[in-house]
Amino acid sequence: MEQQTSLVHIKGIRDGLLATFAEAAWQDQSASLLTYINDRPAFFQGARLAMDVGTQVLKVNDLVEIRDRLSERGVSLWAVVSESQVTEQTAQLLGLATRISKPRPEEQRHPIAVAEDMALFVNKTIRSGQRVEYPGHIVVMGDVNAGAEVVAGGHVIVWGRVRGMLHAGAAGDRSMTICALDLSATQIRIADQVSAMLKPQKNPKPEVASINNEGTLQSELWLPG
């Protein structure tokens, strides 16, 4: 997985997921994308994917092949953003969008303001042995018990007590956050950063966990505003 993240980065946007790539040959970039998806098939099942391919010059065969291989994995390629006029024209020829809506900065800073079409609302307690996984944000209106798992491509918000495992930014987006009224989790993860078990608190207060400027996980009081 570490090797793949050096070539491909995937994050949630308003209309689905966006894949961007490090500088490399298209064959290497596309192979890295497919391997990344193969490593977490349940996460990407049913996802809508846009690709920002930078200056890559891609022709019909290139885009048809990656579109078909993504489709085989349950992923729908709906947009290709490119600085190359050839690639853009090819995408349009295939009926793919060439413009996407990216989240505004204020939407990233305030995780409660999620787009309805990219948030999964779970109106119950998630019990031991259960796993909830979604490419966008996940909002749980209940507890996450010990032995339960919540894995989101976006933010994770729990309006309750957490004793299980939470993973935000599961596709590699380090700007995602975890919020809970009682964050006493077995484990929390944001992208590739992991925090071990958090001790239960006698007088729990709402907390938000994020990756700080030093690149490590931290938690602080979850305050309104």
C-alpha atoms as a PDB file:
ATOM      1  CA  MET A   1       0.000   0.000   0.000  1.00  0.00           C
ATOM      2  CA  GLU A   2       2.832   2.416   0.811  1.00  0.00           C
ATOM      3  CA  GLN A   3       4.259   1.987  -2.682  1.00  0.00           C
ATOM      4  CA  GLN A   4       0.929   2.777  -4.244  1.00  0.00           C
ATOM      5  CA  THR A   5       0.393   5.992  -2.282  1.00  0.00           C
ATOM      6  CA  SER A   6       3.624   7.358  -3.801  1.00  0.00           C
ATOM      7  CA  LEU A   7       1.937   7.358  -7.230  1.00  0.00           C
ATOM      8  CA  VAL A   8      -1.784   7.766  -6.554  1.00  0.00           C
ATOM      9  CA  HIS A   9      -3.714   9.845  -4.036  1.00  0.00           C
ATOM     10  CA  ILE A  10      -7.481   9.526  -3.633  1.00  0.00           C
ATOM     11  CA  LYS A  11      -9.760  11.885  -1.723  1.00  0.00           C
ATOM     12  CA  GLY A  12     -13.451  12.580  -1.461  1.00  0.00           C
ATOM     13  CA  ILE A  13     -15.024  15.408  -3.420  1.00  0.00           C
ATOM     14  CA  ARG A  14     -18.608  16.574  -3.748  1.00  0.00           C
ATOM     15  CA  ASP A  15     -19.436  14.233  -6.632  1.00  0.00           C
ATOM     16  CA  GLY A  16     -17.494  11.132  -5.602  1.00  0.00           C
ATOM     17  CA  LEU A  17     -13.782  10.372  -5.366  1.00  0.00           C
ATOM     18  CA  LEU A  18     -10.867  12.111  -7.072  1.00  0.00           C
ATOM     19  CA  ALA A  19      -7.633  10.316  -8.028  1.00  0.00           C
ATOM     20  CA  THR A  20      -4.501  12.377  -8.610  1.00  0.00           C
ATOM     21  CA  PHE A  21      -1.118  11.004  -9.586  1.00  0.00           C
ATOM     22  CA  ALA A  22       2.569  11.592  -8.978  1.00  0.00           C
ATOM     23  CA  GLU A  23       4.776  12.089 -12.028  1.00  0.00           C
ATOM     24  CA  ALA A  24       5.221   8.767 -13.834  1.00  0.00           C
ATOM     25  CA  ALA A  25       4.375   6.950 -17.045  1.00  0.00           C
ATOM     26  CA  TRP A  26       0.649   6.375 -17.554  1.00  0.00           C
ATOM     27  CA  GLN A  27       1.149   2.607 -17.446  1.00  0.00           C
ATOM     28  CA  ASP A  28       2.617   2.935 -13.951  1.00  0.00           C
ATOM     29  CA  GLN A  29      -0.017   5.397 -12.792  1.00  0.00           C
ATOM     30  CA  SER A  30      -2.945   3.284 -14.008  1.00  0.00           C
ATOM     31  CA  ALA A  31      -1.411   0.108 -12.568  1.00  0.00           C
ATOM     32  CA  SER A  32      -0.983   1.828  -9.200  1.00  0.00           C
ATOM     33  CA  LEU A  33      -4.603   2.978  -9.244  1.00  0.00           C
ATOM     34  CA  LEU A  34      -5.902  -0.517  -9.957  1.00  0.00           C
ATOM     35  CA  THR A  35      -3.676  -2.066  -7.292  1.00  0.00           C
ATOM     36  CA  TYR A  36      -4.849   0.555  -4.787  1.00  0.00           C
ATOM     37  CA  ILE A  37      -8.462  -0.376  -5.529  1.00  0.00           C
ATOM     38  CA  ASN A  38      -7.703  -4.108  -5.453  1.00  0.00           C
ATOM     39  CA  ASP A  39      -6.332  -3.695  -1.921  1.00  0.00           C
ATOM     40  CA  ARG A  40      -9.692  -2.416  -0.614  1.00  0.00           C
ATOM     41  CA  PRO A  41     -12.478  -3.693  -2.923  1.00  0.00           C
ATOM     42  CA  ALA A  42     -15.321  -3.180  -0.437  1.00  0.00           C
ATOM     43  CA  PHE A  43     -14.400   0.460   0.016  1.00  0.00           C
ATOM     44  CA  PHE A  44     -14.521   1.239  -3.714  1.00  0.00           C
ATOM     45  CA  GLN A  45     -17.535  -0.906  -4.596  1.00  0.00           C
ATOM     46  CA  GLY A  46     -20.096   1.367  -6.245  1.00  0.00           C
ATOM     47  CA  ALA A  47     -17.849   4.444  -6.110  1.00  0.00           C
ATOM     48  CA  ARG A  48     -17.867   7.252  -8.675  1.00  0.00           C
ATOM     49  CA  LEU A  49     -14.309   8.181  -9.623  1.00  0.00           C
ATOM     50  CA  ALA A  50     -12.817  11.223 -11.342  1.00  0.00           C
ATOM     51  CA  MET A  51      -9.167  11.271 -12.435  1.00  0.00           C
ATOM     52  CA  ASP A  52      -6.884  14.291 -12.659  1.00  0.00           C
ATOM     53  CA  VAL A  53      -4.162  13.073 -15.033  1.00  0.00           C
ATOM     54  CA  GLY A  54      -2.231  16.331 -15.326  1.00  0.00           C
ATOM     55  CA  THR A  55      -0.306  16.614 -18.572  1.00  0.00           C
ATOM     56  CA  GLN A  56      -0.685  12.983 -19.626  1.00  0.00           C
ATOM     57  CA  VAL A  57      -1.653  12.609 -23.291  1.00  0.00           C
ATOM     58  CA  LEU A  58      -4.222   9.826 -23.313  1.00  0.00           C
ATOM     59  CA  LYS A  59      -5.999   8.448 -26.356  1.00  0.00           C
ATOM     60  CA  VAL A  60      -9.222   6.529 -26.750  1.00  0.00           C
ATOM     61  CA  ASN A  61      -7.673   3.117 -26.088  1.00  0.00           C
ATOM     62  CA  ASP A  62      -6.045   4.372 -22.869  1.00  0.00           C
ATOM     63  CA  LEU A  63      -9.263   5.740 -21.409  1.00  0.00           C
ATOM     64  CA  VAL A  64     -11.446   2.873 -22.622  1.00  0.00           C
ATOM     65  CA  GLU A  65      -9.083   0.367 -21.024  1.00  0.00           C
ATOM     66  CA  ILE A  66      -8.955   2.106 -17.632  1.00  0.00           C
ATOM     67  CA  ARG A  67     -12.715   2.741 -17.707  1.00  0.00           C
ATOM     68  CA  ASP A  68     -13.398  -0.942 -18.381  1.00  0.00           C
ATOM     69  CA  ARG A  69     -10.951  -2.180 -15.767  1.00  0.00           C
ATOM     70  CA  LEU A  70     -12.463   0.153 -13.186  1.00  0.00           C
ATOM     71  CA  SER A  71     -15.942  -1.040 -14.147  1.00  0.00           C
ATOM     72  CA  GLU A  72     -14.844  -4.636 -13.548  1.00  0.00           C
ATOM     73  CA  ARG A  73     -14.073  -3.571  -9.972  1.00  0.00           C
ATOM     74  CA  GLY A  74     -17.423  -1.864  -9.424  1.00  0.00           C
ATOM     75  CA  VAL A  75     -16.018   1.651  -9.924  1.00  0.00           C
ATOM     76  CA  SER A  76     -17.620   4.122 -12.342  1.00  0.00           C
ATOM     77  CA  LEU A  77     -15.243   6.506 -14.128  1.00  0.00           C
ATOM     78  CA  TRP A  78     -17.256   9.669 -14.751  1.00  0.00           C
ATOM     79  CA  ALA A  79     -14.685  12.447 -15.254  1.00  0.00           C
ATOM     80  CA  VAL A  80     -11.147  13.002 -16.520  1.00  0.00           C
ATOM     81  CA  VAL A  81      -9.458  16.329 -15.806  1.00  0.00           C
ATOM     82  CA  SER A  82      -6.381  17.098 -17.877  1.00  0.00           C
ATOM     83  CA  GLU A  83      -4.081  19.901 -18.972  1.00  0.00           C
ATOM     84  CA  SER A  84      -3.718  18.108 -22.317  1.00  0.00           C
ATOM     85  CA  GLN A  85      -6.155  19.170 -25.021  1.00  0.00           C
ATOM     86  CA  VAL A  86      -5.861  15.729 -26.640  1.00  0.00           C
ATOM     87  CA  THR A  87      -6.815  13.987 -23.401  1.00  0.00           C
ATOM     88  CA  GLU A  88      -9.670  16.393 -22.761  1.00  0.00           C
ATOM     89  CA  GLN A  89     -11.087  15.865 -26.246  1.00  0.00           C
ATOM     90  CA  THR A  90     -10.746  12.092 -25.872  1.00  0.00           C
ATOM     91  CA  ALA A  91     -12.637  12.190 -22.570  1.00  0.00           C
ATOM     92  CA  GLN A  92     -15.410  14.277 -24.114  1.00  0.00           C
ATOM     93  CA  LEU A  93     -15.627  11.869 -27.039  1.00  0.00           C
ATOM     94  CA  LEU A  94     -16.265   9.051 -24.571  1.00  0.00           C
ATOM     95  CA  GLY A  95     -18.951  11.069 -22.773  1.00  0.00           C
ATOM     96  CA  LEU A  96     -16.820  11.740 -19.697  1.00  0.00           C
ATOM     97  CA  ALA A  97     -16.929  15.038 -17.835  1.00  0.00           C
ATOM     98  CA  THR A  98     -13.802  17.218 -17.955  1.00  0.00           C
ATOM     99  CA  ARG A  99     -14.722  19.594 -15.103  1.00  0.00           C
ATOM    100  CA  ILE A 100     -15.372  18.722 -11.472  1.00  0.00           C
ATOM    101  CA  SER A 101     -16.586  20.560  -8.382  1.00  0.00           C
ATOM    102  CA  LYS A 102     -14.007  20.529  -5.605  1.00  0.00           C
ATOM    103  CA  PRO A 103     -15.000  21.204  -1.986  1.00  0.00           C
ATOM    104  CA  ARG A 104     -14.604  24.767  -0.762  1.00  0.00           C
ATOM    105  CA  PRO A 105     -11.926  25.281   1.939  1.00  0.00           C
ATOM    106  CA  GLU A 106     -14.558  26.063   4.572  1.00  0.00           C
ATOM    107  CA  GLU A 107     -16.244  22.712   3.894  1.00  0.00           C
ATOM    108  CA  GLN A 108     -12.995  20.939   4.725  1.00  0.00           C
ATOM    109  CA  ARG A 109     -12.534  22.894   7.966  1.00  0.00           C
ATOM    110  CA  HIS A 110     -16.034  22.184   9.276  1.00  0.00           C
ATOM    111  CA  PRO A 111     -16.673  18.449   9.005  1.00  0.00           C
ATOM    112  CA  ILE A 112     -20.318  18.693  10.079  1.00  0.00           C
ATOM    113  CA  ALA A 113     -21.145  20.474   6.785  1.00  0.00           C
ATOM    114  CA  VAL A 114     -21.100  17.383   4.582  1.00  0.00           C
ATOM    115  CA  ALA A 115     -22.750  17.077   1.195  1.00  0.00           C
ATOM    116  CA  GLU A 116     -25.839  14.891   1.498  1.00  0.00           C
ATOM    117  CA  ASP A 117     -24.968  12.846  -1.582  1.00  0.00           C
ATOM    118  CA  MET A 118     -21.572  11.928  -0.125  1.00  0.00           C
ATOM    119  CA  ALA A 119     -22.559  11.136   3.482  1.00  0.00           C
ATOM    120  CA  LEU A 120     -23.867   7.902   4.937  1.00  0.00           C
ATOM    121  CA  PHE A 121     -26.129   8.437   7.973  1.00  0.00           C
ATOM    122  CA  VAL A 122     -26.345   5.455  10.323  1.00  0.00           C
ATOM    123  CA  ASN A 123     -29.245   5.971  12.724  1.00  0.00           C
ATOM    124  CA  LYS A 124     -28.405   3.198  15.180  1.00  0.00           C
ATOM    125  CA  THR A 125     -25.663   1.807  17.400  1.00  0.00           C
ATOM    126  CA  ILE A 126     -23.001  -0.201  15.571  1.00  0.00           C
ATOM    127  CA  ARG A 127     -22.489  -3.390  17.525  1.00  0.00           C
ATOM    128  CA  SER A 128     -19.523  -5.710  18.002  1.00  0.00           C
ATOM    129  CA  GLY A 129     -18.609  -7.575  14.831  1.00  0.00           C
ATOM    130  CA  GLN A 130     -20.322  -5.050  12.550  1.00  0.00           C
ATOM    131  CA  ARG A 131     -18.383  -2.969  10.003  1.00  0.00           C
ATOM    132  CA  VAL A 132     -19.618   0.140   8.178  1.00  0.00           C
ATOM    133  CA  GLU A 133     -17.582   1.263   5.164  1.00  0.00           C
ATOM    134  CA  TYR A 134     -18.348   4.122   2.752  1.00  0.00           C
ATOM    135  CA  PRO A 135     -16.341   6.216   0.245  1.00  0.00           C
ATOM    136  CA  GLY A 136     -17.717   9.521   1.599  1.00  0.00           C
ATOM    137  CA  HIS A 137     -18.392  10.823   5.102  1.00  0.00           C
ATOM    138  CA  ILE A 138     -20.073   8.676   7.765  1.00  0.00           C
ATOM    139  CA  VAL A 139     -22.345  10.102  10.459  1.00  0.00           C
ATOM    140  CA  VAL A 140     -23.386   7.699  13.225  1.00  0.00           C
ATOM    141  CA  MET A 141     -26.366   8.702  15.356  1.00  0.00           C
ATOM    142  CA  GLY A 142     -25.570   6.231  18.112  1.00  0.00           C
ATOM    143  CA  ASP A 143     -22.629   4.424  19.710  1.00  0.00           C
ATOM    144  CA  VAL A 144     -19.800   2.442  18.147  1.00  0.00           C
ATOM    145  CA  ASN A 145     -19.306  -0.532  20.445  1.00  0.00           C
ATOM    146  CA  ALA A 146     -16.071  -2.399  21.128  1.00  0.00           C
ATOM    147  CA  GLY A 147     -15.365  -4.788  18.265  1.00  0.00           C
ATOM    148  CA  ALA A 148     -17.209  -2.603  15.721  1.00  0.00           C
ATOM    149  CA  GLU A 149     -15.499  -0.749  12.849  1.00  0.00           C
ATOM    150  CA  VAL A 150     -16.317   2.416  10.906  1.00  0.00           C
ATOM    151  CA  VAL A 151     -14.223   3.135   7.792  1.00  0.00           C
ATOM    152  CA  ALA A 152     -14.825   6.285   5.725  1.00  0.00           C
ATOM    153  CA  GLY A 153     -13.129   7.980   2.814  1.00  0.00           C
ATOM    154  CA  GLY A 154     -14.189  11.287   4.377  1.00  0.00           C
ATOM    155  CA  HIS A 155     -14.895  12.476   7.909  1.00  0.00           C
ATOM    156  CA  VAL A 156     -16.326  10.268  10.667  1.00  0.00           C
ATOM    157  CA  ILE A 157     -18.812  11.890  13.043  1.00  0.00           C
ATOM    158  CA  VAL A 158     -20.274   9.895  15.942  1.00  0.00           C
ATOM    159  CA  TRP A 159     -23.098  11.403  17.935  1.00  0.00           C
ATOM    160  CA  GLY A 160     -22.478   8.994  20.774  1.00  0.00           C
ATOM    161  CA  ARG A 161     -19.841   6.921  22.554  1.00  0.00           C
ATOM    162  CA  VAL A 162     -16.986   5.213  20.710  1.00  0.00           C
ATOM    163  CA  ARG A 163     -15.409   2.015  22.012  1.00  0.00           C
ATOM    164  CA  GLY A 164     -14.573   0.432  18.641  1.00  0.00           C
ATOM    165  CA  MET A 165     -12.320   1.383  15.711  1.00  0.00           C
ATOM    166  CA  LEU A 166     -12.749   4.507  13.551  1.00  0.00           C
ATOM    167  CA  HIS A 167     -10.856   5.214  10.306  1.00  0.00           C
ATOM    168  CA  ALA A 168     -11.324   8.519   8.460  1.00  0.00           C
ATOM    169  CA  GLY A 169      -9.627   9.464   5.195  1.00  0.00           C
ATOM    170  CA  ALA A 170      -9.242   5.763   4.453  1.00  0.00           C
ATOM    171  CA  ALA A 171      -8.245   6.394   0.839  1.00  0.00           C
ATOM    172  CA  GLY A 172      -5.319   8.557   1.987  1.00  0.00           C
ATOM    173  CA  ASP A 173      -6.804  12.031   2.614  1.00  0.00           C
ATOM    174  CA  ARG A 174      -4.960  13.384   5.664  1.00  0.00           C
ATOM    175  CA  SER A 175      -7.246  16.435   5.946  1.00  0.00           C
ATOM    176  CA  MET A 176     -10.152  14.334   7.239  1.00  0.00           C
ATOM    177  CA  THR A 177     -11.217  14.351  10.903  1.00  0.00           C
ATOM    178  CA  ILE A 178     -12.920  12.177  13.514  1.00  0.00           C
ATOM    179  CA  CYS A 179     -15.491  13.686  15.873  1.00  0.00           C
ATOM    180  CA  ALA A 180     -17.326  12.009  18.747  1.00  0.00           C
ATOM    181  CA  LEU A 181     -19.168  12.886  21.930  1.00  0.00           C
ATOM    182  CA  ASP A 182     -17.060  10.295  23.802  1.00  0.00           C
ATOM    183  CA  LEU A 183     -13.895   9.262  21.948  1.00  0.00           C
ATOM    184  CA  SER A 184     -12.660   6.282  23.969  1.00  0.00           C
ATOM    185  CA  ALA A 185     -11.926   4.160  20.926  1.00  0.00           C
ATOM    186  CA  THR A 186     -10.001   0.911  20.615  1.00  0.00           C
ATOM    187  CA  GLN A 187      -8.153   2.593  17.738  1.00  0.00           C
ATOM    188  CA  ILE A 188      -8.544   5.669  15.577  1.00  0.00           C
ATOM    189  CA  ARG A 189      -6.928   6.187  12.185  1.00  0.00           C
ATOM    190  CA  ILE A 190      -6.765   9.088   9.778  1.00  0.00           C
ATOM    191  CA  ALA A 191      -5.237   8.157   6.417  1.00  0.00           C
ATOM    192  CA  ASP A 192      -1.996   6.361   7.361  1.00  0.00           C
ATOM    193  CA  GLN A 193      -1.743   7.703  10.928  1.00  0.00           C
ATOM    194  CA  VAL A 194      -2.806   5.414  13.779  1.00  0.00           C
ATOM    195  CA  SER A 195      -3.501   6.056  17.450  1.00  0.00           C
ATOM    196  CA  ALA A 196      -3.665   3.172  19.920  1.00  0.00           C
ATOM    197  CA  MET A 197      -6.426   2.545  22.451  1.00  0.00           C
ATOM    198  CA  LEU A 198      -7.781   5.648  24.178  1.00  0.00           C
ATOM    199  CA  LYS A 199      -8.659   5.242  27.857  1.00  0.00           C
ATOM    200  CA  PRO A 200     -12.333   5.653  28.830  1.00  0.00           C
ATOM    201  CA  GLN A 201     -12.981   9.000  30.504  1.00  0.00           C
ATOM    202  CA  LYS A 202     -14.948   9.496  33.704  1.00  0.00           C
ATOM    203  CA  ASN A 203     -16.436  12.738  32.440  1.00  0.00           C
ATOM    204  CA  PRO A 204     -16.147  12.524  28.648  1.00  0.00           C
ATOM    205  CA  LYS A 205     -16.395  15.656  26.513  1.00  0.00           C
ATOM    206  CA  PRO A 206     -16.842  15.940  22.748  1.00  0.00           C
ATOM    207  CA  GLU A 207     -13.520  15.626  20.923  1.00  0.00           C
ATOM    208  CA  VAL A 208     -12.215  16.036  17.390  1.00  0.00           C
ATOM    209  CA  ALA A 209      -9.140  14.183  16.155  1.00  0.00           C
ATOM    210  CA  SER A 210      -7.055  15.398  13.227  1.00  0.00           C
ATOM    211  CA  ILE A 211      -3.530  15.299  11.823  1.00  0.00           C
ATOM    212  CA  ASN A 212      -1.559  18.337  12.950  1.00  0.00           C
ATOM    213  CA  ASN A 213       1.097  20.311  11.086  1.00  0.00           C
ATOM    214  CA  GLU A 214       3.775  17.910  12.347  1.00  0.00           C
ATOM    215  CA  GLY A 215       1.958  15.012  10.668  1.00  0.00           C
ATOM    216  CA  THR A 216       0.809  13.248  13.849  1.00  0.00           C
ATOM    217  CA  LEU A 217      -2.636  12.490  15.226  1.00  0.00           C
ATOM    218  CA  GLN A 218      -3.981  14.780  17.914  1.00  0.00           C
ATOM    219  CA  SER A 219      -7.327  15.259  19.636  1.00  0.00           C
ATOM    220  CA  GLU A 220      -8.865  18.364  21.170  1.00  0.00           C
ATOM    221  CA  LEU A 221     -12.200  19.543  22.471  1.00  0.00           C
ATOM    222  CA  TRP A 222     -14.883  19.597  19.779  1.00  0.00           C
ATOM    223  CA  LEU A 223     -16.228  23.125  20.071  1.00  0.00           C
ATOM    224  CA  PRO A 224     -19.046  24.687  18.024  1.00  0.00           C
ATOM    225  CA  GLY A 225     -18.269  27.218  15.308  1.00  0.00           C
END
